[in-house]
Amino acid sequence: MTAGFVWLRSLDPRHRLPMLKDPSGLGFAASPTSLTVVHVAANSPAEKGGGAAGDRIVTMNGHPTDADYTYGALWRFRFGPAGTRLKLGMDAGTTRELTLAEYF
């Protein structure tokens, strides 16, 4: 970005990264103690399970979430095959179960 403008140019197809297809439908922001939901995709398993922006997830499959989430094994759980079940521990002390699906 320069002088208030964003310059875009197309990349050679050989250098493009594939789109990550997230079968959970959740977008997160990581903090030292939780994952805060910032986006819930329409028609996704997250939306069907009652997920909403602002939800805070403190455990995933029993493992604590933290700022290192995107660098570890927990991050990969979200990109598992359709039918994979995730147990999300919410900051309110409740647990939600989410089954990954190819909704896109």
C-alpha atoms as a PDB file:
ATOM      1  CA  MET A   1       0.000   0.000   0.000  1.00  0.00           C
ATOM      2  CA  THR A   2       1.396   3.377  -1.003  1.00  0.00           C
ATOM      3  CA  ALA A   3      -0.092   6.860  -0.709  1.00  0.00           C
ATOM      4  CA  GLY A   4      -3.505   5.457   0.191  1.00  0.00           C
ATOM      5  CA  PHE A   5      -3.665   3.070  -2.771  1.00  0.00           C
ATOM      6  CA  VAL A   6      -3.507  -0.704  -2.956  1.00  0.00           C
ATOM      7  CA  TRP A   7      -1.842  -2.028  -6.087  1.00  0.00           C
ATOM      8  CA  LEU A   8      -2.919  -5.464  -7.290  1.00  0.00           C
ATOM      9  CA  ARG A   9      -1.410  -7.553 -10.016  1.00  0.00           C
ATOM     10  CA  SER A  10      -2.160 -11.072 -11.099  1.00  0.00           C
ATOM     11  CA  LEU A  11       0.293 -13.830 -10.345  1.00  0.00           C
ATOM     12  CA  ASP A  12       1.545 -16.466 -12.682  1.00  0.00           C
ATOM     13  CA  PRO A  13      -0.714 -19.515 -12.020  1.00  0.00           C
ATOM     14  CA  ARG A  14       2.373 -21.522 -11.045  1.00  0.00           C
ATOM     15  CA  HIS A  15       2.926 -19.211  -8.039  1.00  0.00           C
ATOM     16  CA  ARG A  16      -0.630 -19.066  -6.698  1.00  0.00           C
ATOM     17  CA  LEU A  17      -1.427 -20.743  -3.402  1.00  0.00           C
ATOM     18  CA  PRO A  18      -4.456 -23.029  -3.223  1.00  0.00           C
ATOM     19  CA  MET A  19      -7.443 -21.782  -1.254  1.00  0.00           C
ATOM     20  CA  LEU A  20      -7.728 -23.460   2.138  1.00  0.00           C
ATOM     21  CA  LYS A  21     -11.129 -25.072   2.254  1.00  0.00           C
ATOM     22  CA  ASP A  22     -12.098 -24.883   5.899  1.00  0.00           C
ATOM     23  CA  PRO A  23     -14.804 -27.491   6.571  1.00  0.00           C
ATOM     24  CA  SER A  24     -15.612 -25.900   9.963  1.00  0.00           C
ATOM     25  CA  GLY A  25     -16.737 -22.515   8.641  1.00  0.00           C
ATOM     26  CA  LEU A  26     -14.978 -20.639  11.454  1.00  0.00           C
ATOM     27  CA  GLY A  27     -12.565 -17.731  11.233  1.00  0.00           C
ATOM     28  CA  PHE A  28     -10.502 -17.032  14.367  1.00  0.00           C
ATOM     29  CA  ALA A  29      -8.338 -14.437  16.024  1.00  0.00           C
ATOM     30  CA  ALA A  30      -5.919 -15.978  18.525  1.00  0.00           C
ATOM     31  CA  SER A  31      -5.181 -14.499  21.946  1.00  0.00           C
ATOM     32  CA  PRO A  32      -3.013 -15.811  24.798  1.00  0.00           C
ATOM     33  CA  THR A  33      -5.937 -17.733  26.330  1.00  0.00           C
ATOM     34  CA  SER A  34      -8.528 -18.412  23.636  1.00  0.00           C
ATOM     35  CA  LEU A  35      -9.657 -18.256  20.033  1.00  0.00           C
ATOM     36  CA  THR A  36     -12.210 -15.561  19.327  1.00  0.00           C
ATOM     37  CA  VAL A  37     -14.574 -16.285  16.445  1.00  0.00           C
ATOM     38  CA  VAL A  38     -14.436 -13.387  13.983  1.00  0.00           C
ATOM     39  CA  HIS A  39     -16.336 -15.018  11.121  1.00  0.00           C
ATOM     40  CA  VAL A  40     -18.914 -17.767  10.671  1.00  0.00           C
ATOM     41  CA  ALA A  41     -19.436 -18.837   7.054  1.00  0.00           C
ATOM     42  CA  ALA A  42     -22.986 -19.077   5.717  1.00  0.00           C
ATOM     43  CA  ASN A  43     -24.408 -22.620   5.589  1.00  0.00           C
ATOM     44  CA  SER A  44     -21.328 -24.003   7.348  1.00  0.00           C
ATOM     45  CA  PRO A  45     -21.274 -26.544  10.174  1.00  0.00           C
ATOM     46  CA  ALA A  46     -20.382 -23.671  12.518  1.00  0.00           C
ATOM     47  CA  GLU A  47     -23.471 -21.682  11.518  1.00  0.00           C
ATOM     48  CA  LYS A  48     -25.717 -24.735  11.782  1.00  0.00           C
ATOM     49  CA  GLY A  49     -24.266 -25.422  15.249  1.00  0.00           C
ATOM     50  CA  GLY A  50     -25.128 -21.946  16.507  1.00  0.00           C
ATOM     51  CA  GLY A  51     -21.655 -20.392  16.221  1.00  0.00           C
ATOM     52  CA  ALA A  52     -21.457 -16.597  16.209  1.00  0.00           C
ATOM     53  CA  ALA A  53     -18.826 -13.895  15.919  1.00  0.00           C
ATOM     54  CA  GLY A  54     -17.559 -13.072  19.398  1.00  0.00           C
ATOM     55  CA  ASP A  55     -17.698 -16.658  20.694  1.00  0.00           C
ATOM     56  CA  ARG A  56     -14.552 -17.568  22.608  1.00  0.00           C
ATOM     57  CA  ILE A  57     -13.152 -21.089  22.357  1.00  0.00           C
ATOM     58  CA  VAL A  58     -10.793 -22.115  25.161  1.00  0.00           C
ATOM     59  CA  THR A  59     -10.279 -25.792  24.284  1.00  0.00           C
ATOM     60  CA  MET A  60     -10.416 -27.861  21.125  1.00  0.00           C
ATOM     61  CA  ASN A  61     -10.789 -31.628  21.561  1.00  0.00           C
ATOM     62  CA  GLY A  62      -9.763 -31.141  25.180  1.00  0.00           C
ATOM     63  CA  HIS A  63      -6.560 -29.235  24.379  1.00  0.00           C
ATOM     64  CA  PRO A  64      -6.218 -25.603  25.523  1.00  0.00           C
ATOM     65  CA  THR A  65      -6.126 -22.980  22.790  1.00  0.00           C
ATOM     66  CA  ASP A  66      -3.712 -20.072  22.885  1.00  0.00           C
ATOM     67  CA  ALA A  67      -1.767 -17.643  20.705  1.00  0.00           C
ATOM     68  CA  ASP A  68       0.321 -20.530  19.288  1.00  0.00           C
ATOM     69  CA  TYR A  69      -2.814 -22.193  17.880  1.00  0.00           C
ATOM     70  CA  THR A  70      -2.003 -21.487  14.214  1.00  0.00           C
ATOM     71  CA  TYR A  71       1.436 -23.081  14.518  1.00  0.00           C
ATOM     72  CA  GLY A  72       0.439 -26.365  16.101  1.00  0.00           C
ATOM     73  CA  ALA A  73      -1.583 -29.519  15.683  1.00  0.00           C
ATOM     74  CA  LEU A  74      -4.837 -27.889  16.853  1.00  0.00           C
ATOM     75  CA  TRP A  75      -4.932 -25.767  13.717  1.00  0.00           C
ATOM     76  CA  ARG A  76      -4.848 -28.881  11.542  1.00  0.00           C
ATOM     77  CA  PHE A  77      -7.943 -30.332  13.278  1.00  0.00           C
ATOM     78  CA  ARG A  78     -10.068 -27.728  11.462  1.00  0.00           C
ATOM     79  CA  PHE A  79      -8.916 -28.978   8.069  1.00  0.00           C
ATOM     80  CA  GLY A  80      -9.683 -32.640   8.634  1.00  0.00           C
ATOM     81  CA  PRO A  81     -11.907 -34.704   6.355  1.00  0.00           C
ATOM     82  CA  ALA A  82     -15.684 -34.296   6.307  1.00  0.00           C
ATOM     83  CA  GLY A  83     -17.237 -36.212   9.188  1.00  0.00           C
ATOM     84  CA  THR A  84     -14.453 -35.347  11.660  1.00  0.00           C
ATOM     85  CA  ARG A  85     -15.930 -34.242  14.990  1.00  0.00           C
ATOM     86  CA  LEU A  86     -14.488 -31.395  17.030  1.00  0.00           C
ATOM     87  CA  LYS A  87     -15.374 -30.670  20.641  1.00  0.00           C
ATOM     88  CA  LEU A  88     -15.103 -26.957  21.299  1.00  0.00           C
ATOM     89  CA  GLY A  89     -14.865 -25.839  24.924  1.00  0.00           C
ATOM     90  CA  MET A  90     -16.393 -22.387  25.243  1.00  0.00           C
ATOM     91  CA  ASP A  91     -15.333 -19.746  27.784  1.00  0.00           C
ATOM     92  CA  ALA A  92     -18.790 -19.948  29.378  1.00  0.00           C
ATOM     93  CA  GLY A  93     -18.009 -23.519  30.466  1.00  0.00           C
ATOM     94  CA  THR A  94     -20.175 -25.172  27.806  1.00  0.00           C
ATOM     95  CA  THR A  95     -19.073 -27.571  25.075  1.00  0.00           C
ATOM     96  CA  ARG A  96     -20.164 -27.546  21.455  1.00  0.00           C
ATOM     97  CA  GLU A  97     -19.677 -30.382  19.042  1.00  0.00           C
ATOM     98  CA  LEU A  98     -18.964 -29.527  15.441  1.00  0.00           C
ATOM     99  CA  THR A  99     -18.867 -32.055  12.595  1.00  0.00           C
ATOM    100  CA  LEU A 100     -16.752 -30.961   9.646  1.00  0.00           C
ATOM    101  CA  ALA A 101     -18.488 -30.968   6.263  1.00  0.00           C
ATOM    102  CA  GLU A 102     -17.824 -29.859   2.696  1.00  0.00           C
ATOM    103  CA  TYR A 103     -20.445 -27.102   2.548  1.00  0.00           C
ATOM    104  CA  PHE A 104     -18.685 -24.928  -0.052  1.00  0.00           C
END
